[in-house]
Amino acid sequence: MKILIIEDEKELVGTIKSFLGSEGFLCETACSYFEAEDSLSAYNYDIIILDLTLPGGDGLDLIKLIKERNKQAGLLIVSAKNSLDDKVKGLDMGADDYITKPFHLAELNSRIKSLARRRHFEGASELIFNEIKINTDSSEAFVNEKIIDLTRKEYEILVYFIVNKNKVITREALAEHVWGDNISCVDNYDFIYSHIKNIRKKIEINNGINYLHNIYGIGYKFSEK
């Protein structure tokens, strides 16, 4: 799960990023309106945490950009204690939820997971594709009811494929989603092949079917055909 944290309080950004990282989330940060604008224009995210008060511009204007460029992203706005008008405007413009400062990190984590379930997992805590089942709360994967031992990256790749089943996924998109925005600087994406090979092997040794198909010159497709 890839998250963009848009917040100008650098100490708070560091705390949130560290905490969410320990929960298994991949976090990118932007500390000003212009940094956020650049990130939103160039990359896609699953969840965006947006503080409406930013140096360089109005956070409400970023909501318009998010709805244009990151339509699939869940949007959680962060507001000051007495900014009811901003919260209402943000929700009216398409934000999914809000949290008021100061907040507990556990509450933030809970809201993110709830938002992810609504936005990406059809409201459920389990993803099921034939004999494969993913428990998104415990970050566990099962094949024919047997748990399979996936690394964190393998787990994230499998979830990404199931959420995007029947779609062609480029190697670039997969790398960016699982390893972060800076991965675009690498010379090639050969390292992805090793992860895909391991996932296939772990599924097949538990009598699962290989749904991961190579699309020559492009990437992969997770489907029955």
C-alpha atoms as a PDB file:
ATOM      1  CA  MET A   1       0.000   0.000   0.000  1.00  0.00           C
ATOM      2  CA  LYS A   2       1.566   3.247  -1.172  1.00  0.00           C
ATOM      3  CA  ILE A   3       0.826   6.425   0.788  1.00  0.00           C
ATOM      4  CA  LEU A   4       1.654  10.077   0.142  1.00  0.00           C
ATOM      5  CA  ILE A   5       1.876  12.205   3.300  1.00  0.00           C
ATOM      6  CA  ILE A   6       1.377  15.910   2.547  1.00  0.00           C
ATOM      7  CA  GLU A   7       2.254  17.767   5.735  1.00  0.00           C
ATOM      8  CA  ASP A   8       4.513  20.742   6.481  1.00  0.00           C
ATOM      9  CA  GLU A   9       5.365  19.856  10.094  1.00  0.00           C
ATOM     10  CA  LYS A  10       8.548  17.889   9.448  1.00  0.00           C
ATOM     11  CA  GLU A  11       8.705  16.298  12.890  1.00  0.00           C
ATOM     12  CA  LEU A  12       5.130  15.052  12.508  1.00  0.00           C
ATOM     13  CA  VAL A  13       5.896  13.813   8.983  1.00  0.00           C
ATOM     14  CA  GLY A  14       8.838  11.799  10.306  1.00  0.00           C
ATOM     15  CA  THR A  15       6.749  10.323  13.112  1.00  0.00           C
ATOM     16  CA  ILE A  16       3.894   9.344  10.787  1.00  0.00           C
ATOM     17  CA  LYS A  17       6.236   7.898   8.159  1.00  0.00           C
ATOM     18  CA  SER A  18       8.136   5.839  10.725  1.00  0.00           C
ATOM     19  CA  PHE A  19       4.970   4.506  12.322  1.00  0.00           C
ATOM     20  CA  LEU A  20       3.201   3.644   9.064  1.00  0.00           C
ATOM     21  CA  GLY A  21       6.411   2.098   7.739  1.00  0.00           C
ATOM     22  CA  SER A  22       6.437  -0.235  10.748  1.00  0.00           C
ATOM     23  CA  GLU A  23       2.869  -1.185   9.822  1.00  0.00           C
ATOM     24  CA  GLY A  24       4.013  -2.269   6.370  1.00  0.00           C
ATOM     25  CA  PHE A  25       3.032   0.816   4.356  1.00  0.00           C
ATOM     26  CA  LEU A  26       5.283   2.408   1.756  1.00  0.00           C
ATOM     27  CA  CYS A  27       5.304   6.162   2.451  1.00  0.00           C
ATOM     28  CA  GLU A  28       6.380   9.142   0.348  1.00  0.00           C
ATOM     29  CA  THR A  29       6.297  12.689   1.710  1.00  0.00           C
ATOM     30  CA  ALA A  30       5.731  16.253   0.530  1.00  0.00           C
ATOM     31  CA  CYS A  31       6.225  19.219   2.864  1.00  0.00           C
ATOM     32  CA  SER A  32       4.893  22.056   0.711  1.00  0.00           C
ATOM     33  CA  TYR A  33       2.201  22.752  -1.846  1.00  0.00           C
ATOM     34  CA  PHE A  34       4.691  22.641  -4.715  1.00  0.00           C
ATOM     35  CA  GLU A  35       6.302  19.364  -3.600  1.00  0.00           C
ATOM     36  CA  ALA A  36       2.843  17.837  -3.325  1.00  0.00           C
ATOM     37  CA  GLU A  37       1.871  19.155  -6.748  1.00  0.00           C
ATOM     38  CA  ASP A  38       4.971  17.578  -8.305  1.00  0.00           C
ATOM     39  CA  SER A  39       4.376  14.199  -6.651  1.00  0.00           C
ATOM     40  CA  LEU A  40       0.687  14.103  -7.528  1.00  0.00           C
ATOM     41  CA  SER A  41       1.414  15.010 -11.140  1.00  0.00           C
ATOM     42  CA  ALA A  42       4.088  12.348 -11.565  1.00  0.00           C
ATOM     43  CA  TYR A  43       3.001   9.341  -9.469  1.00  0.00           C
ATOM     44  CA  ASN A  44      -0.012   7.341  -8.320  1.00  0.00           C
ATOM     45  CA  TYR A  45      -0.892   6.510  -4.719  1.00  0.00           C
ATOM     46  CA  ASP A  46      -3.344   4.276  -2.868  1.00  0.00           C
ATOM     47  CA  ILE A  47      -3.916   6.667   0.032  1.00  0.00           C
ATOM     48  CA  ILE A  48      -3.180  10.381   0.350  1.00  0.00           C
ATOM     49  CA  ILE A  49      -2.976  12.105   3.742  1.00  0.00           C
ATOM     50  CA  LEU A  50      -3.449  15.822   3.138  1.00  0.00           C
ATOM     51  CA  ASP A  51      -2.956  18.672   5.600  1.00  0.00           C
ATOM     52  CA  LEU A  52      -5.025  21.543   4.234  1.00  0.00           C
ATOM     53  CA  THR A  53      -2.698  24.223   5.631  1.00  0.00           C
ATOM     54  CA  LEU A  54       0.458  24.241   3.528  1.00  0.00           C
ATOM     55  CA  PRO A  55       3.197  26.721   2.660  1.00  0.00           C
ATOM     56  CA  GLY A  56       2.939  27.878  -0.931  1.00  0.00           C
ATOM     57  CA  GLY A  57      -0.723  27.212  -1.583  1.00  0.00           C
ATOM     58  CA  ASP A  58      -4.144  26.070  -0.438  1.00  0.00           C
ATOM     59  CA  GLY A  59      -4.526  22.366   0.304  1.00  0.00           C
ATOM     60  CA  LEU A  60      -8.084  22.516  -1.012  1.00  0.00           C
ATOM     61  CA  ASP A  61      -6.674  23.227  -4.478  1.00  0.00           C
ATOM     62  CA  LEU A  62      -4.699  19.992  -4.281  1.00  0.00           C
ATOM     63  CA  ILE A  63      -7.940  18.064  -3.891  1.00  0.00           C
ATOM     64  CA  LYS A  64      -8.871  19.129  -7.432  1.00  0.00           C
ATOM     65  CA  LEU A  65      -5.542  17.795  -8.708  1.00  0.00           C
ATOM     66  CA  ILE A  66      -5.970  14.545  -6.779  1.00  0.00           C
ATOM     67  CA  LYS A  67      -9.390  14.014  -8.348  1.00  0.00           C
ATOM     68  CA  GLU A  68      -7.940  14.644 -11.786  1.00  0.00           C
ATOM     69  CA  ARG A  69      -4.701  12.626 -11.527  1.00  0.00           C
ATOM     70  CA  ASN A  70      -5.235  10.107  -8.684  1.00  0.00           C
ATOM     71  CA  LYS A  71      -8.921   9.272  -8.914  1.00  0.00           C
ATOM     72  CA  GLN A  72      -8.430   5.837  -7.393  1.00  0.00           C
ATOM     73  CA  ALA A  73      -6.667   7.183  -4.298  1.00  0.00           C
ATOM     74  CA  GLY A  74      -8.377   7.337  -0.935  1.00  0.00           C
ATOM     75  CA  LEU A  75      -8.107  10.850   0.507  1.00  0.00           C
ATOM     76  CA  LEU A  76      -7.806  11.550   4.230  1.00  0.00           C
ATOM     77  CA  ILE A  77      -7.625  15.225   5.115  1.00  0.00           C
ATOM     78  CA  VAL A  78      -5.905  16.521   8.253  1.00  0.00           C
ATOM     79  CA  SER A  79      -7.439  19.602   9.768  1.00  0.00           C
ATOM     80  CA  ALA A  80      -6.853  21.927  12.693  1.00  0.00           C
ATOM     81  CA  LYS A  81      -9.116  21.670  15.695  1.00  0.00           C
ATOM     82  CA  ASN A  82     -11.307  24.656  14.834  1.00  0.00           C
ATOM     83  CA  SER A  83     -11.407  24.449  11.026  1.00  0.00           C
ATOM     84  CA  LEU A  84     -14.900  23.070  10.516  1.00  0.00           C
ATOM     85  CA  ASP A  85     -15.397  24.999   7.269  1.00  0.00           C
ATOM     86  CA  ASP A  86     -12.264  23.487   5.711  1.00  0.00           C
ATOM     87  CA  LYS A  87     -13.317  19.991   6.719  1.00  0.00           C
ATOM     88  CA  VAL A  88     -16.754  20.465   5.170  1.00  0.00           C
ATOM     89  CA  LYS A  89     -15.268  21.923   1.979  1.00  0.00           C
ATOM     90  CA  GLY A  90     -12.779  19.087   1.721  1.00  0.00           C
ATOM     91  CA  LEU A  91     -15.463  16.433   2.107  1.00  0.00           C
ATOM     92  CA  ASP A  92     -17.716  18.216  -0.387  1.00  0.00           C
ATOM     93  CA  MET A  93     -14.848  18.241  -2.888  1.00  0.00           C
ATOM     94  CA  GLY A  94     -14.394  14.492  -2.637  1.00  0.00           C
ATOM     95  CA  ALA A  95     -12.275  13.695   0.425  1.00  0.00           C
ATOM     96  CA  ASP A  96     -13.207  10.343   1.967  1.00  0.00           C
ATOM     97  CA  ASP A  97     -12.514  11.097   5.621  1.00  0.00           C
ATOM     98  CA  TYR A  98     -10.806  13.553   7.958  1.00  0.00           C
ATOM     99  CA  ILE A  99      -8.826  13.477  11.156  1.00  0.00           C
ATOM    100  CA  THR A 100      -8.283  16.409  13.507  1.00  0.00           C
ATOM    101  CA  LYS A 101      -4.973  17.407  15.086  1.00  0.00           C
ATOM    102  CA  PRO A 102      -3.726  16.294  17.517  1.00  0.00           C
ATOM    103  CA  PHE A 103      -4.441  12.628  16.776  1.00  0.00           C
ATOM    104  CA  HIS A 104      -3.163   9.268  17.951  1.00  0.00           C
ATOM    105  CA  LEU A 105      -1.148   7.269  15.436  1.00  0.00           C
ATOM    106  CA  ALA A 106      -3.259   4.196  16.178  1.00  0.00           C
ATOM    107  CA  GLU A 107      -6.367   6.126  15.130  1.00  0.00           C
ATOM    108  CA  LEU A 108      -4.662   7.297  11.947  1.00  0.00           C
ATOM    109  CA  ASN A 109      -3.671   3.705  11.159  1.00  0.00           C
ATOM    110  CA  SER A 110      -7.220   2.500  11.755  1.00  0.00           C
ATOM    111  CA  ARG A 111      -8.690   5.168   9.469  1.00  0.00           C
ATOM    112  CA  ILE A 112      -6.181   4.359   6.721  1.00  0.00           C
ATOM    113  CA  LYS A 113      -6.997   0.651   6.854  1.00  0.00           C
ATOM    114  CA  SER A 114     -10.729   1.380   6.826  1.00  0.00           C
ATOM    115  CA  LEU A 115     -10.297   3.728   3.876  1.00  0.00           C
ATOM    116  CA  ALA A 116      -8.200   1.158   2.008  1.00  0.00           C
ATOM    117  CA  ARG A 117     -10.893  -1.486   2.512  1.00  0.00           C
ATOM    118  CA  ARG A 118     -13.566   0.829   1.139  1.00  0.00           C
ATOM    119  CA  ARG A 119     -11.508   2.138  -1.768  1.00  0.00           C
ATOM    120  CA  HIS A 120      -9.505  -0.869  -2.895  1.00  0.00           C
ATOM    121  CA  PHE A 121     -10.899  -4.016  -1.272  1.00  0.00           C
ATOM    122  CA  GLU A 122     -14.649  -3.469  -1.783  1.00  0.00           C
ATOM    123  CA  GLY A 123     -15.159  -2.898   1.937  1.00  0.00           C
ATOM    124  CA  ALA A 124     -13.820  -6.326   2.928  1.00  0.00           C
ATOM    125  CA  SER A 125     -10.759  -7.312   4.949  1.00  0.00           C
ATOM    126  CA  GLU A 126     -10.198 -10.308   2.666  1.00  0.00           C
ATOM    127  CA  LEU A 127      -9.300 -10.525  -1.007  1.00  0.00           C
ATOM    128  CA  ILE A 128     -10.272 -13.798  -2.661  1.00  0.00           C
ATOM    129  CA  PHE A 129      -9.315 -15.024  -6.104  1.00  0.00           C
ATOM    130  CA  ASN A 130     -10.308 -18.664  -6.553  1.00  0.00           C
ATOM    131  CA  GLU A 131      -8.043 -20.691  -4.225  1.00  0.00           C
ATOM    132  CA  ILE A 132      -5.977 -17.645  -3.187  1.00  0.00           C
ATOM    133  CA  LYS A 133      -7.048 -15.609  -0.168  1.00  0.00           C
ATOM    134  CA  ILE A 134      -5.443 -12.496   1.288  1.00  0.00           C
ATOM    135  CA  ASN A 135      -6.189 -11.247   4.802  1.00  0.00           C
ATOM    136  CA  THR A 136      -5.379  -7.533   4.605  1.00  0.00           C
ATOM    137  CA  ASP A 137      -5.624  -7.029   8.366  1.00  0.00           C
ATOM    138  CA  SER A 138      -3.019  -9.648   9.237  1.00  0.00           C
ATOM    139  CA  SER A 139      -1.086  -9.313   5.929  1.00  0.00           C
ATOM    140  CA  GLU A 140      -1.266 -13.064   5.380  1.00  0.00           C
ATOM    141  CA  ALA A 141      -1.779 -14.995   2.152  1.00  0.00           C
ATOM    142  CA  PHE A 142      -3.367 -18.426   1.818  1.00  0.00           C
ATOM    143  CA  VAL A 143      -3.552 -20.961  -0.996  1.00  0.00           C
ATOM    144  CA  ASN A 144      -6.145 -23.719  -0.569  1.00  0.00           C
ATOM    145  CA  GLU A 145      -6.501 -22.576   3.059  1.00  0.00           C
ATOM    146  CA  LYS A 146      -2.773 -23.079   3.712  1.00  0.00           C
ATOM    147  CA  ILE A 147      -0.743 -20.035   4.693  1.00  0.00           C
ATOM    148  CA  ILE A 148       2.149 -19.276   2.351  1.00  0.00           C
ATOM    149  CA  ASP A 149       5.360 -17.672   3.545  1.00  0.00           C
ATOM    150  CA  LEU A 150       5.731 -14.482   1.503  1.00  0.00           C
ATOM    151  CA  THR A 151       8.254 -11.709   2.043  1.00  0.00           C
ATOM    152  CA  ARG A 152       6.840  -8.210   2.506  1.00  0.00           C
ATOM    153  CA  LYS A 153       7.561  -7.301  -1.136  1.00  0.00           C
ATOM    154  CA  GLU A 154       6.081 -10.563  -2.426  1.00  0.00           C
ATOM    155  CA  TYR A 155       2.950  -9.930  -0.376  1.00  0.00           C
ATOM    156  CA  GLU A 156       2.599  -6.377  -1.726  1.00  0.00           C
ATOM    157  CA  ILE A 157       3.085  -7.608  -5.302  1.00  0.00           C
ATOM    158  CA  LEU A 158       0.438 -10.319  -4.922  1.00  0.00           C
ATOM    159  CA  VAL A 159      -2.068  -7.883  -3.396  1.00  0.00           C
ATOM    160  CA  TYR A 160      -1.405  -5.393  -6.194  1.00  0.00           C
ATOM    161  CA  PHE A 161      -2.016  -8.051  -8.837  1.00  0.00           C
ATOM    162  CA  ILE A 162      -5.243  -9.311  -7.263  1.00  0.00           C
ATOM    163  CA  VAL A 163      -6.609  -5.776  -6.845  1.00  0.00           C
ATOM    164  CA  ASN A 164      -5.747  -5.177 -10.521  1.00  0.00           C
ATOM    165  CA  LYS A 165      -6.719  -8.610 -11.810  1.00  0.00           C
ATOM    166  CA  ASN A 166      -7.261  -8.943 -15.560  1.00  0.00           C
ATOM    167  CA  LYS A 167      -5.297  -5.746 -16.207  1.00  0.00           C
ATOM    168  CA  VAL A 168      -1.915  -5.535 -17.896  1.00  0.00           C
ATOM    169  CA  ILE A 169       0.582  -4.154 -15.359  1.00  0.00           C
ATOM    170  CA  THR A 170       3.844  -2.710 -16.646  1.00  0.00           C
ATOM    171  CA  ARG A 171       7.077  -3.489 -14.846  1.00  0.00           C
ATOM    172  CA  GLU A 172       7.522   0.238 -14.272  1.00  0.00           C
ATOM    173  CA  ALA A 173       4.109   0.609 -12.605  1.00  0.00           C
ATOM    174  CA  LEU A 174       4.701  -2.450 -10.428  1.00  0.00           C
ATOM    175  CA  ALA A 175       8.144  -1.266  -9.330  1.00  0.00           C
ATOM    176  CA  GLU A 176       6.909   2.242  -8.542  1.00  0.00           C
ATOM    177  CA  HIS A 177       3.970   0.927  -6.531  1.00  0.00           C
ATOM    178  CA  VAL A 178       5.923  -1.555  -4.420  1.00  0.00           C
ATOM    179  CA  TRP A 179       9.358   0.086  -4.109  1.00  0.00           C
ATOM    180  CA  GLY A 180       8.470   3.788  -4.232  1.00  0.00           C
ATOM    181  CA  ASP A 181       8.788   6.752  -6.557  1.00  0.00           C
ATOM    182  CA  ASN A 182      12.613   6.810  -6.604  1.00  0.00           C
ATOM    183  CA  ILE A 183      12.698   3.384  -8.246  1.00  0.00           C
ATOM    184  CA  SER A 184      12.100   5.161 -11.561  1.00  0.00           C
ATOM    185  CA  CYS A 185      15.835   6.017 -11.529  1.00  0.00           C
ATOM    186  CA  VAL A 186      17.002   2.403 -11.887  1.00  0.00           C
ATOM    187  CA  ASP A 187      18.491   1.171 -15.162  1.00  0.00           C
ATOM    188  CA  ASN A 188      16.294  -1.932 -15.471  1.00  0.00           C
ATOM    189  CA  TYR A 189      13.616  -3.907 -13.660  1.00  0.00           C
ATOM    190  CA  ASP A 190      15.197  -7.360 -13.794  1.00  0.00           C
ATOM    191  CA  PHE A 191      14.941  -7.685 -10.003  1.00  0.00           C
ATOM    192  CA  ILE A 192      11.148  -7.937 -10.329  1.00  0.00           C
ATOM    193  CA  TYR A 193      11.489 -11.261 -12.144  1.00  0.00           C
ATOM    194  CA  SER A 194      12.976 -12.920  -9.038  1.00  0.00           C
ATOM    195  CA  HIS A 195      10.017 -11.836  -6.923  1.00  0.00           C
ATOM    196  CA  ILE A 196       7.507 -13.014  -9.525  1.00  0.00           C
ATOM    197  CA  LYS A 197       9.313 -16.370  -9.787  1.00  0.00           C
ATOM    198  CA  ASN A 198       9.179 -16.832  -6.001  1.00  0.00           C
ATOM    199  CA  ILE A 199       5.471 -15.989  -5.830  1.00  0.00           C
ATOM    200  CA  ARG A 200       4.665 -18.484  -8.587  1.00  0.00           C
ATOM    201  CA  LYS A 201       6.686 -21.198  -6.851  1.00  0.00           C
ATOM    202  CA  LYS A 202       5.059 -20.628  -3.446  1.00  0.00           C
ATOM    203  CA  ILE A 203       1.577 -20.742  -4.961  1.00  0.00           C
ATOM    204  CA  GLU A 204       2.235 -23.855  -7.056  1.00  0.00           C
ATOM    205  CA  ILE A 205       3.805 -25.931  -4.267  1.00  0.00           C
ATOM    206  CA  ASN A 206       0.504 -25.514  -2.410  1.00  0.00           C
ATOM    207  CA  ASN A 207      -1.413 -26.839  -5.433  1.00  0.00           C
ATOM    208  CA  GLY A 208      -2.390 -23.382  -6.594  1.00  0.00           C
ATOM    209  CA  ILE A 209      -2.645 -22.260 -10.199  1.00  0.00           C
ATOM    210  CA  ASN A 210      -0.166 -19.871 -11.778  1.00  0.00           C
ATOM    211  CA  TYR A 211      -2.283 -16.845 -12.689  1.00  0.00           C
ATOM    212  CA  LEU A 212       0.739 -14.608 -13.300  1.00  0.00           C
ATOM    213  CA  HIS A 213       1.219 -14.346 -17.046  1.00  0.00           C
ATOM    214  CA  ASN A 214       4.104 -12.625 -18.810  1.00  0.00           C
ATOM    215  CA  ILE A 215       3.065 -10.011 -21.365  1.00  0.00           C
ATOM    216  CA  TYR A 216       6.045  -9.880 -23.684  1.00  0.00           C
ATOM    217  CA  GLY A 217       7.823  -6.530 -23.720  1.00  0.00           C
ATOM    218  CA  ILE A 218       5.350  -4.925 -21.303  1.00  0.00           C
ATOM    219  CA  GLY A 219       4.941  -6.643 -17.961  1.00  0.00           C
ATOM    220  CA  TYR A 220       2.435  -9.018 -16.385  1.00  0.00           C
ATOM    221  CA  LYS A 221      -1.240  -9.870 -16.163  1.00  0.00           C
ATOM    222  CA  PHE A 222      -2.946 -11.680 -13.276  1.00  0.00           C
ATOM    223  CA  SER A 223      -5.858 -13.631 -14.743  1.00  0.00           C
ATOM    224  CA  GLU A 224      -7.291 -17.078 -15.362  1.00  0.00           C
ATOM    225  CA  LYS A 225      -6.468 -16.858 -19.079  1.00  0.00           C
END
